Amino acid sequence: MVIGSNPIGPTLLKRRSRGTNVARSIKFFYFGHQCPHNTYLLARIKTIAWRESVPLALYDLTEDGRPAQEFPVFSPTMLIVNDKYRWHGPFTKERIVGMLEDEGVAPESYSVTQSDNTVRGELLQMDPNTVLRTCDPCVGGGDINICRGKAGWVTGLLKETSLSNLGYIHLWNGKCVGGAEFLPSDRVPYPIPDKRSKNAFLTCSYTSDEKLDFKSFPLEKLIEDLRDSGFDTLSMAASKDVVFPNGPMSWYQKKGFVDKGLLVREELHNAEIHYMQKEL
């Protein structure tokens, strides 16, 4: 479903990218508020489209997953600019304007050598109340209202799935430092293999750090719970070398996940996203 299918901005098709014959356009795909960044990124991309007089199509994949298969999308936040440039994750105005003008589009990589020094703090089940704590690692703390959109998204999915929680968040020294979040794979919009109710899908595993391992503890507890709840596999989309989404892949291989093949290459991130799965 296209949200706001009428393009935003006047004289929409008259301006073209500098030096090309390609009409400027933006498509923004988002898996509801699964990523807390989506709250402000939605406002940001609407503002950019209006000021740059560019048509904007918004696709909420929570309501309709078919666009994720068509384009294809494997992360909770995805942009396609001028039907040419693909960008997943948070973005700046300058980055998007550069793509619109065919300028400043060199690949950017964000890599972290994940530590194996496991931290075991306090685990909380992720529900509409505790999910507000994810503002610390996801958007740098501050105003928890940024995460209220995610709280509403979690509330809706808990009702639809009859699950008691969507994973675990990891507290250390009173702050959220990591987490492991999931959905049954038949409830995620991404075009992954093996979509069925007994195959859980790791929607987010965080945070990567070179000195401490905040990810293992919540992931281990989630795996234990999934096994006890009757799930037989846990799958994920993981980047081969870079952090987002859910990278690096080699770290998950050490946790027993098996590489099932390439899903998509994202050139602007120097990322190969692979489908991985672990028997429970």
Protein backbone atom coordinates (compact mmCIF):
# COMPACT_ATOMS: atom_id res chain seq x y z
CA MET A 1 0.00 0.00 0.00
CA VAL A 2 1.33 3.43 -0.91
CA ILE A 3 0.78 5.91 1.90
CA GLY A 4 0.18 9.37 0.52
CA SER A 5 0.29 8.17 -3.06
CA ASN A 6 -0.19 11.72 -4.34
CA PRO A 7 3.37 13.05 -4.79
CA ILE A 8 4.50 15.74 -2.36
CA GLY A 9 5.69 19.06 -3.74
CA PRO A 10 4.89 21.34 -6.71
CA THR A 11 6.21 21.10 -10.29
CA LEU A 12 7.23 17.57 -9.49
CA LEU A 13 8.55 16.17 -12.75
CA LYS A 14 10.13 19.27 -14.23
CA ARG A 15 13.47 19.16 -12.40
CA ARG A 16 15.92 16.44 -13.28
CA SER A 17 19.16 15.29 -11.71
CA ARG A 18 22.12 17.40 -12.76
CA GLY A 19 23.77 15.95 -15.85
CA THR A 20 21.18 13.21 -16.36
CA ASN A 21 17.79 12.68 -17.97
CA VAL A 22 16.43 10.94 -14.87
CA ALA A 23 13.47 12.57 -13.15
CA ARG A 24 14.10 13.07 -9.46
CA SER A 25 12.04 10.95 -7.08
CA ILE A 26 12.12 9.39 -3.63
CA LYS A 27 10.62 6.14 -2.39
CA PHE A 28 10.69 5.59 1.38
CA PHE A 29 10.04 2.10 2.79
CA TYR A 30 9.64 1.55 6.52
CA PHE A 31 8.56 -1.37 8.67
CA GLY A 32 6.25 0.72 10.81
CA HIS A 33 8.15 1.93 13.86
CA GLN A 34 10.26 -1.20 14.28
CA CYS A 35 13.24 1.16 14.13
CA PRO A 36 12.82 4.14 16.51
CA HIS A 37 14.61 6.34 13.96
CA ASN A 38 11.57 6.07 11.69
CA THR A 39 9.64 8.52 13.88
CA TYR A 40 11.78 11.49 12.87
CA LEU A 41 12.97 10.10 9.53
CA LEU A 42 9.41 10.18 8.21
CA ALA A 43 9.17 13.87 9.05
CA ARG A 44 12.64 14.52 7.61
CA ILE A 45 12.00 12.86 4.26
CA LYS A 46 8.68 14.68 3.84
CA THR A 47 10.42 18.00 4.49
CA ILE A 48 13.22 17.19 2.03
CA ALA A 49 10.75 16.18 -0.67
CA TRP A 50 8.71 19.35 -0.23
CA ARG A 51 11.68 21.72 -0.23
CA GLU A 52 13.29 19.99 -3.21
CA SER A 53 10.00 19.71 -5.13
CA VAL A 54 10.43 15.95 -5.52
CA PRO A 55 7.65 13.32 -5.69
CA LEU A 56 7.64 11.12 -2.61
CA ALA A 57 5.99 7.71 -2.22
CA LEU A 58 5.73 6.28 1.31
CA TYR A 59 5.38 2.53 1.86
CA ASP A 60 4.51 1.24 5.33
CA LEU A 61 5.53 -2.40 5.10
CA THR A 62 3.59 -3.25 8.25
CA GLU A 63 0.38 -2.77 6.27
CA ASP A 64 1.51 -4.24 2.95
CA GLY A 65 4.72 -6.21 2.41
CA ARG A 66 4.44 -6.48 -1.37
CA PRO A 67 6.69 -3.47 -2.08
CA ALA A 68 9.47 -5.15 -0.10
CA GLN A 69 9.39 -8.03 -2.55
CA GLU A 70 9.25 -5.82 -5.62
CA PHE A 71 12.24 -3.61 -4.80
CA PRO A 72 13.59 -5.67 -2.60
CA VAL A 73 13.87 -4.49 1.02
CA PHE A 74 15.51 -6.29 3.97
CA SER A 75 15.81 -3.55 6.59
CA PRO A 76 13.26 -1.49 8.57
CA THR A 77 14.28 1.77 6.88
CA MET A 78 15.01 1.97 3.15
CA LEU A 79 15.23 4.74 0.55
CA ILE A 80 15.40 4.57 -3.22
CA VAL A 81 16.36 7.89 -4.79
CA ASN A 82 15.83 8.62 -8.50
CA ASP A 83 15.08 4.90 -8.97
CA LYS A 84 18.86 4.48 -8.85
CA TYR A 85 20.38 4.91 -5.40
CA ARG A 86 19.50 2.61 -2.51
CA TRP A 87 20.12 3.67 1.09
CA HIS A 88 19.10 1.83 4.26
CA GLY A 89 19.17 3.22 7.78
CA PRO A 90 19.28 6.81 9.06
CA PHE A 91 20.13 9.60 6.66
CA THR A 92 20.91 13.32 6.57
CA LYS A 93 19.33 15.95 4.38
CA GLU A 94 22.71 16.53 2.72
CA ARG A 95 23.04 12.85 1.80
CA ILE A 96 19.62 12.72 0.14
CA VAL A 97 20.08 16.00 -1.74
CA GLY A 98 23.43 14.70 -2.98
CA MET A 99 21.75 11.60 -4.39
CA LEU A 100 19.02 13.70 -5.99
CA GLU A 101 21.70 15.71 -7.79
CA ASP A 102 23.98 12.73 -8.57
CA GLU A 103 26.57 14.21 -6.21
CA GLY A 104 28.14 12.88 -3.02
CA VAL A 105 27.15 9.29 -3.68
CA ALA A 106 30.41 7.51 -2.87
CA PRO A 107 29.94 4.33 -0.81
CA GLU A 108 30.17 4.59 2.97
CA SER A 109 30.98 1.64 5.25
CA TYR A 110 30.35 1.34 8.98
CA SER A 111 32.34 -1.59 10.34
CA VAL A 112 32.95 -2.72 13.93
CA THR A 113 35.14 -5.62 15.05
CA GLN A 114 32.71 -7.10 17.57
CA SER A 115 34.24 -7.93 20.96
CA ASP A 116 33.82 -11.39 22.51
CA ASN A 117 34.01 -9.94 26.04
CA THR A 118 30.44 -10.79 27.03
CA VAL A 119 28.58 -8.47 29.40
CA ARG A 120 25.75 -9.98 31.45
CA GLY A 121 23.62 -7.26 32.94
CA GLU A 122 19.85 -7.31 33.46
CA LEU A 123 17.37 -8.57 30.86
CA LEU A 124 13.86 -7.22 30.44
CA GLN A 125 11.20 -8.68 28.16
CA MET A 126 10.45 -6.23 25.39
CA ASP A 127 6.91 -4.92 25.68
CA PRO A 128 5.24 -1.52 25.11
CA ASN A 129 6.68 -0.15 28.36
CA THR A 130 10.22 -1.49 28.38
CA VAL A 131 10.74 -0.71 24.68
CA LEU A 132 11.02 2.97 25.61
CA ARG A 133 14.43 2.12 27.08
CA THR A 134 15.76 1.40 23.57
CA CYS A 135 16.06 5.15 23.04
CA ASP A 136 19.44 4.93 24.82
CA PRO A 137 21.28 2.79 22.23
CA CYS A 138 19.14 3.57 19.19
CA VAL A 139 18.87 7.35 19.20
CA GLY A 140 21.40 8.33 21.87
CA GLY A 141 19.01 8.78 24.80
CA GLY A 142 17.34 12.11 25.36
CA ASP A 143 13.63 12.38 24.59
CA ILE A 144 11.93 8.99 25.05
CA ASN A 145 9.00 10.32 23.04
CA ILE A 146 11.00 9.40 19.95
CA CYS A 147 10.42 5.76 20.94
CA ARG A 148 6.69 6.06 21.62
CA GLY A 149 6.00 5.22 18.00
CA LYS A 150 7.81 1.93 18.52
CA ALA A 151 5.81 1.32 21.71
CA GLY A 152 2.59 1.62 19.72
CA TRP A 153 3.97 -0.64 17.00
CA VAL A 154 4.89 -3.28 19.61
CA THR A 155 1.41 -3.03 21.16
CA GLY A 156 -0.25 -3.75 17.82
CA LEU A 157 1.96 -6.72 17.00
CA LEU A 158 1.53 -8.29 20.44
CA LYS A 159 -2.22 -8.18 19.93
CA GLU A 160 -2.01 -9.63 16.43
CA THR A 161 0.40 -12.45 17.32
CA SER A 162 -0.75 -13.24 20.90
CA LEU A 163 2.91 -13.24 21.93
CA SER A 164 3.83 -12.09 25.45
CA ASN A 165 6.87 -10.14 24.24
CA LEU A 166 9.00 -9.48 21.16
CA GLY A 167 12.39 -10.33 22.67
CA TYR A 168 14.71 -8.91 25.29
CA ILE A 169 16.47 -5.64 26.02
CA HIS A 170 19.76 -5.64 27.91
CA LEU A 171 20.44 -3.18 30.75
CA TRP A 172 23.90 -2.51 32.14
CA ASN A 173 24.62 0.12 34.79
CA GLY A 174 20.98 1.20 34.51
CA LYS A 175 21.05 1.87 30.77
CA CYS A 176 19.90 -0.13 27.79
CA VAL A 177 23.01 -1.25 25.91
CA GLY A 178 21.66 -4.04 23.71
CA GLY A 179 18.83 -6.31 22.77
CA ALA A 180 17.50 -9.13 20.64
CA GLU A 181 14.12 -8.63 18.97
CA PHE A 182 12.08 -11.08 16.90
CA LEU A 183 8.86 -11.86 15.09
CA PRO A 184 7.54 -15.08 13.59
CA SER A 185 8.98 -15.04 10.07
CA ASP A 186 5.54 -15.12 8.46
CA ARG A 187 4.88 -11.71 10.06
CA VAL A 188 7.88 -9.89 8.56
CA PRO A 189 7.49 -8.15 5.18
CA TYR A 190 10.93 -8.98 3.79
CA PRO A 191 11.12 -11.47 0.88
CA ILE A 192 13.01 -14.16 2.82
CA PRO A 193 12.90 -17.91 2.27
CA ASP A 194 11.16 -20.24 4.73
CA LYS A 195 8.33 -17.98 5.87
CA ARG A 196 6.38 -20.00 8.44
CA SER A 197 5.12 -19.63 11.97
CA LYS A 198 7.76 -21.93 13.54
CA ASN A 199 10.67 -20.06 11.97
CA ALA A 200 11.41 -17.01 14.12
CA PHE A 201 13.09 -13.98 12.50
CA LEU A 202 15.62 -11.84 14.35
CA THR A 203 14.42 -8.34 13.48
CA CYS A 204 17.19 -6.55 15.38
CA SER A 205 20.30 -7.57 17.35
CA TYR A 206 22.26 -4.74 18.99
CA THR A 207 24.58 -3.03 19.85
CA SER A 208 27.95 -3.76 18.24
CA ASP A 209 30.99 -2.69 20.26
CA GLU A 210 34.73 -3.28 19.86
CA LYS A 211 35.44 -3.53 23.62
CA LEU A 212 32.36 -5.25 25.07
CA ASP A 213 29.79 -7.76 23.81
CA PHE A 214 26.30 -6.52 24.66
CA LYS A 215 24.54 -8.75 22.10
CA SER A 216 25.23 -12.31 23.26
CA PHE A 217 23.32 -12.27 26.57
CA PRO A 218 19.91 -11.17 25.17
CA LEU A 219 20.36 -13.37 22.10
CA GLU A 220 21.10 -16.45 24.24
CA LYS A 221 17.99 -15.84 26.36
CA LEU A 222 15.84 -15.26 23.29
CA ILE A 223 17.04 -18.52 21.72
CA GLU A 224 16.22 -20.38 24.92
CA ASP A 225 12.70 -18.92 25.02
CA LEU A 226 12.04 -19.57 21.34
CA ARG A 227 13.06 -23.19 21.72
CA ASP A 228 10.75 -23.60 24.74
CA SER A 229 7.90 -21.94 22.80
CA GLY A 230 8.05 -24.44 19.94
CA PHE A 231 10.03 -22.52 17.33
CA ASP A 232 12.44 -24.80 15.47
CA THR A 233 14.66 -22.25 13.69
CA LEU A 234 15.80 -18.64 14.09
CA SER A 235 16.64 -16.76 10.90
CA MET A 236 17.94 -13.31 10.08
CA ALA A 237 19.20 -10.96 7.36
CA ALA A 238 22.80 -10.08 8.19
CA SER A 239 25.45 -7.95 6.49
CA LYS A 240 28.63 -9.80 5.60
CA ASP A 241 31.15 -7.20 6.80
CA VAL A 242 29.37 -4.05 8.01
CA VAL A 243 27.17 -3.45 11.05
CA PHE A 244 23.77 -2.63 9.55
CA PRO A 245 21.62 -4.60 9.35
CA ASN A 246 22.65 -7.11 12.06
CA GLY A 247 26.28 -7.50 11.07
CA PRO A 248 28.91 -8.66 10.84
CA MET A 249 27.83 -12.05 9.56
CA SER A 250 30.94 -13.82 10.91
CA TRP A 251 29.91 -13.05 14.49
CA TYR A 252 26.60 -14.85 14.05
CA GLN A 253 28.33 -17.80 12.42
CA LYS A 254 30.23 -18.23 15.69
CA LYS A 255 26.81 -18.40 17.38
CA GLY A 256 25.71 -21.30 15.18
CA PHE A 257 23.96 -19.44 12.36
CA VAL A 258 24.50 -20.89 8.88
CA ASP A 259 24.84 -18.77 5.75
CA LYS A 260 21.96 -19.71 3.43
CA GLY A 261 22.90 -17.37 0.60
CA LEU A 262 23.00 -13.81 -0.67
CA LEU A 263 19.81 -11.74 -0.49
CA VAL A 264 20.97 -8.41 -1.95
CA ARG A 265 24.02 -6.21 -2.44
CA GLU A 266 23.79 -2.62 -1.20
CA GLU A 267 26.54 -0.74 -3.06
CA LEU A 268 26.34 2.54 -1.15
CA HIS A 269 27.05 0.66 2.09
CA ASN A 270 29.59 -1.81 0.67
CA ALA A 271 27.21 -4.40 2.11
CA GLU A 272 26.26 -7.92 1.11
CA ILE A 273 23.14 -8.96 3.00
CA HIS A 274 22.80 -12.71 3.51
CA TYR A 275 20.02 -14.93 4.80
CA MET A 276 21.19 -16.87 7.86
CA GLN A 277 19.48 -19.53 9.96
CA LYS A 278 20.10 -21.42 13.18
CA GLU A 279 18.51 -24.71 14.21
CA LEU A 280 16.98 -24.48 17.68
